[in-house]
Protein backbone atom coordinates (compact mmCIF):
# COMPACT_ATOMS: atom_id res chain seq x y z
CA UNK A 1 134.94 6.01 93.26
CA UNK A 2 138.57 6.76 94.05
CA UNK A 3 140.22 4.92 96.90
CA UNK A 4 141.33 7.11 99.83
CA UNK A 5 145.06 7.80 99.95
CA UNK A 6 145.22 5.96 103.27
CA UNK A 7 143.88 2.82 101.54
CA UNK A 8 146.46 3.11 98.73
CA UNK A 9 149.28 3.34 101.27
CA UNK A 10 147.93 0.36 103.22
CA UNK A 11 147.73 -1.73 100.03
CA UNK A 12 151.29 -0.74 99.13
CA UNK A 13 152.58 -1.74 102.57
CA UNK A 14 150.75 -5.08 102.37
CA UNK A 15 152.13 -5.93 98.94
CA UNK A 16 155.64 -4.82 99.87
CA UNK A 17 155.74 -7.60 102.47
CA UNK A 18 155.41 -10.13 99.63
CA UNK A 19 158.66 -9.01 98.01
CA UNK A 20 161.82 -11.01 98.55
CA UNK A 21 164.79 -9.49 100.39
CA UNK A 22 166.58 -8.18 97.29
CA UNK A 23 163.46 -6.69 95.73
CA UNK A 24 162.16 -5.13 98.94
CA UNK A 25 165.47 -3.28 99.40
CA UNK A 26 165.45 -2.06 95.80
CA UNK A 27 161.81 -0.99 95.97
CA UNK A 28 162.14 0.50 99.47
CA UNK A 29 164.88 2.89 98.32
CA UNK A 30 162.82 3.74 95.26
CA UNK A 31 159.69 4.41 97.35
CA UNK A 32 161.50 6.58 99.92
CA UNK A 33 163.07 8.73 97.22
CA UNK A 34 159.79 9.38 95.42
CA UNK A 35 157.78 10.07 98.59
CA UNK A 36 160.41 12.56 99.75
CA UNK A 37 159.23 14.96 97.02
CA UNK A 38 156.54 16.68 99.08
CA UNK A 39 155.35 19.00 96.34
CA UNK A 40 154.27 16.14 94.08
CA UNK A 41 150.63 15.06 94.05
CA UNK A 42 150.23 12.54 96.88
CA UNK A 43 147.48 10.52 95.22
CA UNK A 44 149.31 10.28 91.90
CA UNK A 45 152.49 9.30 93.78
CA UNK A 46 150.80 6.47 95.66
CA UNK A 47 149.00 5.21 92.54
CA UNK A 48 152.28 5.05 90.59
CA UNK A 49 154.05 3.30 93.46
CA UNK A 50 151.23 0.76 93.65
CA UNK A 51 151.53 0.08 89.93
CA UNK A 52 155.27 -0.44 90.28
CA UNK A 53 155.00 -2.88 93.20
CA UNK A 54 152.31 -4.82 91.29
CA UNK A 55 154.61 -5.02 88.27
CA UNK A 56 157.50 -6.08 90.50
CA UNK A 57 155.44 -8.83 92.18
CA UNK A 58 154.44 -10.19 88.79
CA UNK A 59 158.07 -10.21 87.66
CA UNK A 60 159.09 -11.88 90.93
CA UNK A 61 156.65 -14.73 90.24
CA UNK A 62 158.44 -15.21 86.93
CA UNK A 63 161.79 -15.44 88.72
CA UNK A 64 163.01 -11.97 87.76
CA UNK A 65 164.67 -9.50 90.11
CA UNK A 66 163.95 -5.78 90.40
CA UNK A 67 167.29 -5.00 88.76
CA UNK A 68 166.38 -7.17 85.77
CA UNK A 69 163.02 -5.45 85.41
CA UNK A 70 163.86 -1.83 86.18
CA UNK A 71 167.62 -1.72 85.64
CA UNK A 72 170.61 -1.29 87.91
CA UNK A 73 170.12 2.46 88.32
CA UNK A 74 166.90 2.94 90.33
CA UNK A 75 167.60 6.65 90.90
CA UNK A 76 167.47 7.34 87.18
CA UNK A 77 164.10 5.60 86.96
CA UNK A 78 162.88 7.37 90.09
CA UNK A 79 163.86 10.77 88.66
CA UNK A 80 161.86 9.98 85.51
CA UNK A 81 158.84 9.04 87.61
CA UNK A 82 159.10 12.19 89.74
CA UNK A 83 159.44 14.40 86.67
CA UNK A 84 156.17 13.05 85.27
CA UNK A 85 154.17 13.35 88.49
CA UNK A 86 151.77 16.31 88.73
CA UNK A 87 152.36 18.98 91.35
CA UNK A 88 150.32 18.87 94.55
CA UNK A 89 147.76 21.73 94.63
CA UNK A 90 149.00 24.63 96.75
CA UNK A 91 145.88 24.42 98.94
CA UNK A 92 146.73 20.85 99.97
CA UNK A 93 150.34 21.77 100.73
CA UNK A 94 149.23 24.74 102.82
CA UNK A 95 146.64 22.71 104.75
CA UNK A 96 149.20 19.97 105.45
CA UNK A 97 151.65 22.59 106.72
CA UNK A 98 148.97 24.01 109.02
CA UNK A 99 148.14 20.49 110.25
CA UNK A 100 151.78 19.77 111.04
CA UNK A 101 152.16 23.10 112.82
CA UNK A 102 149.01 22.53 114.90
CA UNK A 103 150.20 19.02 115.82
CA UNK A 104 153.51 20.32 117.15
CA UNK A 105 151.87 23.25 118.95
CA UNK A 106 149.36 20.85 120.48
CA UNK A 107 152.12 18.65 121.89
CA UNK A 108 153.99 21.67 123.26
CA UNK A 109 150.87 23.26 124.75
CA UNK A 110 149.68 20.05 126.42
CA UNK A 111 153.07 19.55 128.09
CA UNK A 112 153.16 23.16 129.32
CA UNK A 113 149.54 22.83 130.46
CA UNK A 114 150.32 19.72 132.52
CA UNK A 115 153.22 21.55 134.15
CA UNK A 116 150.93 24.49 134.98
CA UNK A 117 148.40 22.15 136.61
CA UNK A 118 151.01 20.47 138.80
CA UNK A 119 152.54 23.83 139.74
CA UNK A 120 149.14 25.43 140.27
CA UNK A 121 149.99 28.51 138.21
CA UNK A 122 148.05 30.46 135.59
CA UNK A 123 149.34 31.94 132.34
CA UNK A 124 149.06 35.33 130.70
CA UNK A 125 149.49 35.24 126.94
CA UNK A 126 149.97 38.35 124.83
CA UNK A 127 148.53 38.22 121.32
CA UNK A 128 151.48 40.00 119.69
CA UNK A 129 154.03 37.75 121.36
CA UNK A 130 152.10 34.64 120.38
CA UNK A 131 151.93 35.79 116.75
CA UNK A 132 155.68 36.42 116.55
CA UNK A 133 156.62 33.18 118.32
CA UNK A 134 154.35 31.09 116.10
CA UNK A 135 155.83 32.80 113.03
CA UNK A 136 159.37 32.05 114.21
CA UNK A 137 158.45 28.44 114.95
CA UNK A 138 156.85 27.99 111.52
CA UNK A 139 160.04 29.28 109.89
CA UNK A 140 162.12 26.84 111.95
CA UNK A 141 159.75 24.00 111.08
CA UNK A 142 159.96 24.77 107.35
CA UNK A 143 163.77 24.73 107.55
CA UNK A 144 163.84 21.42 109.44
CA UNK A 145 161.41 19.80 106.99
CA UNK A 146 163.54 20.97 104.06
CA UNK A 147 166.68 19.50 105.64
CA UNK A 148 164.87 16.26 106.49
CA UNK A 149 163.51 15.83 102.96
CA UNK A 150 166.97 16.46 101.55
CA UNK A 151 168.28 13.83 103.95
CA UNK A 152 165.72 11.29 102.74
CA UNK A 153 166.61 11.90 99.10
CA UNK A 154 170.32 11.47 99.81
CA UNK A 155 169.74 8.44 102.02
CA UNK A 156 167.58 6.61 99.48
CA UNK A 157 170.41 5.62 97.17
CA UNK A 158 173.54 6.77 99.06
CA UNK A 159 173.04 5.80 102.72
CA UNK A 160 176.63 6.57 103.70
CA UNK A 161 176.44 10.15 102.45
CA UNK A 162 173.53 11.41 104.50
CA UNK A 163 174.24 10.32 108.09
CA UNK A 164 175.44 13.82 108.92
CA UNK A 165 171.99 15.17 108.05
CA UNK A 166 170.39 13.20 110.91
CA UNK A 167 172.62 14.96 113.41
CA UNK A 168 172.36 18.29 111.64
CA UNK A 169 168.55 18.12 111.51
CA UNK A 170 168.30 17.31 115.21
CA UNK A 171 170.74 20.04 116.20
CA UNK A 172 168.98 22.59 114.01
CA UNK A 173 165.61 21.86 115.60
CA UNK A 174 167.02 21.77 119.15
CA UNK A 175 169.05 24.97 118.84
CA UNK A 176 166.23 26.75 117.03
CA UNK A 177 163.68 25.71 119.64
CA UNK A 178 165.94 26.91 122.48
CA UNK A 179 166.49 30.22 120.70
CA UNK A 180 162.74 30.70 120.25
CA UNK A 181 162.11 29.81 123.90
CA UNK A 182 164.71 32.37 125.01
CA UNK A 183 163.17 34.94 122.68
CA UNK A 184 159.72 34.26 124.15
CA UNK A 185 161.08 34.70 127.67
CA UNK A 186 162.84 38.00 126.94
CA UNK A 187 160.26 39.66 124.69
CA UNK A 188 158.36 42.66 126.09
CA UNK A 189 154.59 42.30 126.31
CA UNK A 190 153.02 43.01 122.91
CA UNK A 191 149.32 43.15 122.09
CA UNK A 192 146.25 42.20 124.04
CA UNK A 193 146.67 40.17 127.24
CA UNK A 194 144.76 36.88 127.48
CA UNK A 195 144.44 35.47 130.97
CA UNK A 196 144.40 31.67 131.30
CA UNK A 197 143.74 29.78 134.51
CA UNK A 198 145.90 26.89 135.64
CA UNK A 199 143.88 24.56 133.37
CA UNK A 200 143.84 27.03 130.48
CA UNK A 201 146.94 25.91 128.59
CA UNK A 202 146.00 22.25 128.95
CA UNK A 203 142.53 23.00 127.62
CA UNK A 204 143.95 24.88 124.63
CA UNK A 205 146.31 21.97 123.99
CA UNK A 206 143.44 19.45 124.03
CA UNK A 207 141.49 21.55 121.52
CA UNK A 208 144.56 21.69 119.24
CA UNK A 209 145.00 17.91 119.54
CA UNK A 210 141.38 17.44 118.45
CA UNK A 211 141.78 19.84 115.51
CA UNK A 212 144.98 18.08 114.43
CA UNK A 213 143.28 14.67 114.65
CA UNK A 214 140.31 15.80 112.55
CA UNK A 215 142.55 17.42 109.92
CA UNK A 216 144.56 14.19 109.64
CA UNK A 217 141.42 12.10 109.19
CA UNK A 218 140.05 14.44 106.52
CA UNK A 219 143.39 14.43 104.66
CA UNK A 220 143.60 10.64 104.69
CA UNK A 221 140.11 10.34 103.16
CA UNK A 222 140.94 12.48 100.11
């Protein structure tokens, strides 16, 4: 029986703590770079990383460093590993994207719901508006994830080159979110009206939190 991905990651984290300072830095950069390739099969990625840390621990016991075992160019080795990893099935990528989107929407909805409760006001949501806003937010989220993954790849082996991406990623998400909020406020009513009481948004948010939690648990047990 295959180990759940969550178990593989936990084993990797546990074994990484046994590496010495030089090796943990070398391996940490290597691990970050490989995991930043989201479209690669997650299970295969974690299994390969576990094999590498096992090999590195064995070499460490023999008094060898990571550079002696894997060479002084970890990026070249990492690129070879990534090239040979299978691609994650589209279904898994799509489901993960939906999970991430639901998680963010849940956080947003719960906050708005709490504000509604304290202010004692109800909400009217229009189906067409909701569809367009969610679509715009998904586009923004995809862009931010792409920038963030690019940042991780750059940061893995060239930390000094990618600092600007941290700022750029944050600004992109902030400006995009503000633009979407302004769009939502100015849009004319489109589609069917859905009336929510003062506890409505909070209730919707709680349901989304539960869905997000269940999706995460199911994904981790693959």
